[in-house]
Amino acid sequence: MKKILLISLLFSACSHKSNNSDAVVKARAKEQTVMSENKYPGIDFASKKDLACGMPLSAGVDDTAHYGGKIYGFCSTECKDTFLKDPAKYLAKK
């Protein structure tokens, strides 16, 4: 009886794991689709990363800011707003 219970638990765990891996595959596919969308094609950004949080711009640019005659890309409006509060602070880190 214990063997049957143990085997049924293993099968249920395996099927649960399979469902999770399917969800992970679908999430990664969706992430790739989102990341491949370029909202700002052809723009040459002054930095290759979000200066506020450090995320690479290759992961996606959601907002931009013009400062000192240059265009900076940001992963979010929040990061852009943080940068604009004290641009010199973030440009010094660059």
N, C-alpha and C. Protein backbone atom coordinates (compact mmCIF):
# COMPACT_ATOMS: atom_id res chain seq x y z
N MET A 1 0.82 -1.20 0.00
CA MET A 1 0.00 0.00 0.00
C MET A 1 0.87 1.26 0.00
N LYS A 2 1.97 1.21 0.79
CA LYS A 2 2.86 2.36 0.83
C LYS A 2 3.51 2.61 -0.53
N LYS A 3 3.83 1.52 -1.25
CA LYS A 3 4.45 1.66 -2.56
C LYS A 3 3.50 2.33 -3.54
N ILE A 4 2.23 1.98 -3.48
CA ILE A 4 1.24 2.58 -4.37
C ILE A 4 1.09 4.06 -4.07
N LEU A 5 1.05 4.40 -2.80
CA LEU A 5 0.92 5.80 -2.40
C LEU A 5 2.16 6.58 -2.86
N LEU A 6 3.33 6.03 -2.65
CA LEU A 6 4.56 6.69 -3.06
C LEU A 6 4.62 6.89 -4.57
N ILE A 7 4.25 5.89 -5.33
CA ILE A 7 4.25 5.99 -6.79
C ILE A 7 3.25 7.03 -7.26
N SER A 8 2.07 7.06 -6.67
CA SER A 8 1.07 8.06 -7.08
C SER A 8 1.54 9.47 -6.74
N LEU A 9 2.24 9.63 -5.61
CA LEU A 9 2.78 10.94 -5.28
C LEU A 9 3.84 11.37 -6.28
N LEU A 10 4.69 10.46 -6.69
CA LEU A 10 5.71 10.78 -7.67
C LEU A 10 5.11 11.19 -9.00
N PHE A 11 4.09 10.46 -9.44
CA PHE A 11 3.44 10.82 -10.70
C PHE A 11 2.76 12.18 -10.61
N SER A 12 2.11 12.46 -9.50
CA SER A 12 1.45 13.75 -9.37
C SER A 12 2.48 14.87 -9.30
N ALA A 13 3.61 14.63 -8.64
CA ALA A 13 4.67 15.64 -8.58
C ALA A 13 5.25 15.88 -9.97
N CYS A 14 5.45 14.82 -10.73
CA CYS A 14 5.99 14.96 -12.08
C CYS A 14 5.03 15.72 -12.98
N SER A 15 3.75 15.42 -12.88
CA SER A 15 2.79 16.13 -13.74
C SER A 15 2.68 17.58 -13.33
N HIS A 16 2.80 17.86 -12.03
CA HIS A 16 2.77 19.25 -11.57
C HIS A 16 4.00 20.00 -12.09
N LYS A 17 5.15 19.35 -12.04
CA LYS A 17 6.37 19.96 -12.55
C LYS A 17 6.25 20.25 -14.04
N SER A 18 5.64 19.36 -14.78
CA SER A 18 5.46 19.55 -16.21
C SER A 18 4.61 20.77 -16.49
N ASN A 19 3.54 20.94 -15.72
CA ASN A 19 2.68 22.11 -15.89
C ASN A 19 3.45 23.39 -15.59
N ASN A 20 4.30 23.35 -14.56
CA ASN A 20 5.09 24.53 -14.23
C ASN A 20 6.08 24.85 -15.34
N SER A 21 6.71 23.81 -15.89
CA SER A 21 7.68 24.09 -16.95
C SER A 21 6.98 24.63 -18.19
N ASP A 22 5.77 24.20 -18.47
CA ASP A 22 5.00 24.75 -19.59
C ASP A 22 4.74 26.24 -19.35
N ALA A 23 4.41 26.58 -18.10
CA ALA A 23 4.14 27.98 -17.77
C ALA A 23 5.41 28.81 -17.92
N VAL A 24 6.55 28.24 -17.52
CA VAL A 24 7.83 28.95 -17.64
C VAL A 24 8.16 29.18 -19.11
N VAL A 25 7.96 28.17 -19.94
CA VAL A 25 8.24 28.30 -21.37
C VAL A 25 7.36 29.39 -21.98
N LYS A 26 6.08 29.40 -21.63
CA LYS A 26 5.16 30.41 -22.17
C LYS A 26 5.56 31.81 -21.69
N ALA A 27 5.96 31.93 -20.42
CA ALA A 27 6.36 33.23 -19.88
C ALA A 27 7.61 33.74 -20.58
N ARG A 28 8.57 32.84 -20.83
CA ARG A 28 9.79 33.25 -21.52
C ARG A 28 9.52 33.66 -22.95
N ALA A 29 8.60 32.97 -23.61
CA ALA A 29 8.25 33.34 -24.98
C ALA A 29 7.61 34.73 -25.00
N LYS A 30 6.75 34.99 -24.03
CA LYS A 30 6.10 36.30 -23.95
C LYS A 30 7.15 37.38 -23.66
N GLU A 31 8.08 37.07 -22.77
CA GLU A 31 9.15 38.00 -22.43
C GLU A 31 9.98 38.33 -23.67
N GLN A 32 10.31 37.33 -24.46
CA GLN A 32 11.07 37.55 -25.69
C GLN A 32 10.32 38.45 -26.64
N THR A 33 9.00 38.25 -26.76
CA THR A 33 8.19 39.08 -27.64
C THR A 33 8.21 40.52 -27.18
N VAL A 34 8.05 40.73 -25.88
CA VAL A 34 8.05 42.08 -25.34
C VAL A 34 9.42 42.73 -25.52
N MET A 35 10.47 41.97 -25.25
CA MET A 35 11.81 42.52 -25.35
C MET A 35 12.20 42.82 -26.79
N SER A 36 11.64 42.10 -27.74
CA SER A 36 12.01 42.32 -29.12
C SER A 36 11.30 43.53 -29.72
N GLU A 37 10.26 44.02 -29.07
CA GLU A 37 9.57 45.21 -29.54
C GLU A 37 10.43 46.43 -29.24
N ASN A 38 10.77 47.20 -30.23
CA ASN A 38 11.58 48.39 -30.05
C ASN A 38 10.70 49.61 -30.26
N LYS A 39 10.41 50.30 -29.18
CA LYS A 39 9.56 51.48 -29.26
C LYS A 39 10.27 52.66 -29.90
N TYR A 40 11.61 52.62 -29.92
CA TYR A 40 12.38 53.75 -30.42
C TYR A 40 13.43 53.28 -31.43
N PRO A 41 12.99 52.79 -32.59
CA PRO A 41 13.96 52.31 -33.58
C PRO A 41 14.80 53.45 -34.16
N GLY A 42 16.05 53.17 -34.39
CA GLY A 42 16.92 54.14 -35.04
C GLY A 42 17.48 55.22 -34.13
N ILE A 43 17.17 55.20 -32.85
CA ILE A 43 17.70 56.22 -31.95
C ILE A 43 19.02 55.72 -31.37
N ASP A 44 20.02 56.58 -31.41
CA ASP A 44 21.32 56.26 -30.84
C ASP A 44 21.37 56.89 -29.44
N PHE A 45 21.19 56.05 -28.42
CA PHE A 45 21.16 56.55 -27.05
C PHE A 45 22.57 56.88 -26.56
N ALA A 46 22.69 57.85 -25.68
CA ALA A 46 23.97 58.30 -25.15
C ALA A 46 24.60 57.27 -24.22
N SER A 47 23.81 56.33 -23.73
CA SER A 47 24.30 55.30 -22.82
C SER A 47 23.70 53.96 -23.23
N LYS A 48 24.41 52.88 -22.95
CA LYS A 48 23.90 51.56 -23.29
C LYS A 48 23.09 50.94 -22.16
N LYS A 49 22.92 51.70 -21.06
CA LYS A 49 22.13 51.19 -19.94
C LYS A 49 21.28 52.31 -19.35
N ASP A 50 20.28 51.92 -18.61
CA ASP A 50 19.44 52.85 -17.88
C ASP A 50 20.31 53.42 -16.76
N LEU A 51 20.55 54.72 -16.78
CA LEU A 51 21.46 55.32 -15.80
C LEU A 51 20.91 55.31 -14.39
N ALA A 52 19.60 55.23 -14.23
CA ALA A 52 19.01 55.23 -12.89
C ALA A 52 19.10 53.86 -12.20
N CYS A 53 18.84 52.79 -12.94
CA CYS A 53 18.82 51.46 -12.31
C CYS A 53 19.91 50.53 -12.83
N GLY A 54 20.55 50.88 -13.94
CA GLY A 54 21.63 50.07 -14.47
C GLY A 54 21.22 48.97 -15.44
N MET A 55 19.94 48.85 -15.72
CA MET A 55 19.48 47.80 -16.64
C MET A 55 19.97 48.09 -18.06
N PRO A 56 20.46 47.07 -18.77
CA PRO A 56 20.88 47.30 -20.16
C PRO A 56 19.70 47.69 -21.05
N LEU A 57 19.91 48.63 -21.92
CA LEU A 57 18.84 49.07 -22.81
C LEU A 57 18.45 48.00 -23.81
N SER A 58 19.31 47.02 -24.00
CA SER A 58 18.97 45.91 -24.90
C SER A 58 17.78 45.11 -24.36
N ALA A 59 17.49 45.23 -23.06
CA ALA A 59 16.34 44.54 -22.47
C ALA A 59 15.03 45.27 -22.76
N GLY A 60 15.12 46.50 -23.20
CA GLY A 60 13.91 47.25 -23.56
C GLY A 60 13.95 48.67 -23.04
N VAL A 61 13.46 49.59 -23.85
CA VAL A 61 13.39 51.00 -23.48
C VAL A 61 11.92 51.40 -23.47
N ASP A 62 11.47 51.90 -22.32
CA ASP A 62 10.07 52.29 -22.20
C ASP A 62 9.88 53.80 -22.26
N ASP A 63 10.95 54.56 -21.96
CA ASP A 63 10.83 56.02 -21.93
C ASP A 63 12.19 56.64 -22.25
N THR A 64 12.19 57.89 -22.66
CA THR A 64 13.43 58.59 -22.99
C THR A 64 13.43 59.97 -22.36
N ALA A 65 14.62 60.54 -22.27
CA ALA A 65 14.76 61.91 -21.79
C ALA A 65 15.88 62.57 -22.58
N HIS A 66 15.71 63.85 -22.87
CA HIS A 66 16.74 64.64 -23.53
C HIS A 66 17.42 65.47 -22.45
N TYR A 67 18.73 65.38 -22.39
CA TYR A 67 19.48 66.15 -21.40
C TYR A 67 20.86 66.46 -21.96
N GLY A 68 21.25 67.71 -21.90
CA GLY A 68 22.57 68.11 -22.38
C GLY A 68 22.78 67.82 -23.85
N GLY A 69 21.73 67.88 -24.63
CA GLY A 69 21.83 67.63 -26.07
C GLY A 69 21.94 66.17 -26.44
N LYS A 70 21.72 65.28 -25.48
CA LYS A 70 21.79 63.85 -25.74
C LYS A 70 20.47 63.19 -25.37
N ILE A 71 20.26 61.99 -25.91
CA ILE A 71 19.05 61.23 -25.63
C ILE A 71 19.42 60.04 -24.75
N TYR A 72 18.73 59.91 -23.64
CA TYR A 72 18.96 58.79 -22.72
C TYR A 72 17.71 57.91 -22.68
N GLY A 73 17.92 56.62 -22.67
CA GLY A 73 16.82 55.67 -22.61
C GLY A 73 16.66 55.12 -21.20
N PHE A 74 15.41 54.78 -20.85
CA PHE A 74 15.10 54.27 -19.51
C PHE A 74 14.12 53.12 -19.61
N CYS A 75 14.24 52.19 -18.68
CA CYS A 75 13.36 51.02 -18.68
C CYS A 75 11.95 51.38 -18.25
N SER A 76 11.78 52.50 -17.56
CA SER A 76 10.46 52.90 -17.08
C SER A 76 10.40 54.42 -16.89
N THR A 77 9.21 54.92 -16.77
CA THR A 77 9.01 56.35 -16.50
C THR A 77 9.56 56.70 -15.13
N GLU A 78 9.44 55.76 -14.18
CA GLU A 78 9.95 56.00 -12.83
C GLU A 78 11.46 56.22 -12.86
N CYS A 79 12.19 55.41 -13.64
CA CYS A 79 13.64 55.58 -13.75
C CYS A 79 13.98 56.91 -14.42
N LYS A 80 13.21 57.28 -15.43
CA LYS A 80 13.45 58.57 -16.10
C LYS A 80 13.25 59.71 -15.11
N ASP A 81 12.16 59.66 -14.34
CA ASP A 81 11.88 60.71 -13.36
C ASP A 81 12.96 60.80 -12.30
N THR A 82 13.47 59.64 -11.86
CA THR A 82 14.56 59.61 -10.88
C THR A 82 15.80 60.28 -11.46
N PHE A 83 16.13 59.96 -12.69
CA PHE A 83 17.28 60.56 -13.37
C PHE A 83 17.12 62.08 -13.47
N LEU A 84 15.95 62.54 -13.87
CA LEU A 84 15.73 63.96 -14.08
C LEU A 84 15.76 64.78 -12.79
N LYS A 85 15.59 64.15 -11.64
CA LYS A 85 15.68 64.87 -10.36
C LYS A 85 17.12 65.35 -10.12
N ASP A 86 18.12 64.58 -10.57
CA ASP A 86 19.52 64.93 -10.37
C ASP A 86 20.38 64.28 -11.45
N PRO A 87 20.28 64.75 -12.69
CA PRO A 87 21.02 64.13 -13.79
C PRO A 87 22.53 64.08 -13.58
N ALA A 88 23.10 65.12 -12.99
CA ALA A 88 24.55 65.18 -12.79
C ALA A 88 25.03 64.03 -11.92
N LYS A 89 24.23 63.64 -10.95
CA LYS A 89 24.58 62.53 -10.06
C LYS A 89 24.72 61.23 -10.86
N TYR A 90 23.78 60.97 -11.76
CA TYR A 90 23.79 59.74 -12.54
C TYR A 90 24.82 59.78 -13.66
N LEU A 91 25.06 60.95 -14.23
CA LEU A 91 26.06 61.05 -15.29
C LEU A 91 27.48 60.94 -14.72
N ALA A 92 27.67 61.33 -13.47
CA ALA A 92 28.99 61.19 -12.83
C ALA A 92 29.34 59.73 -12.63
N LYS A 93 28.31 58.87 -12.39
CA LYS A 93 28.52 57.43 -12.21
C LYS A 93 28.88 56.76 -13.52
N LYS A 94 28.44 57.35 -14.62
CA LYS A 94 28.63 56.77 -15.96
C LYS A 94 30.09 56.59 -16.22
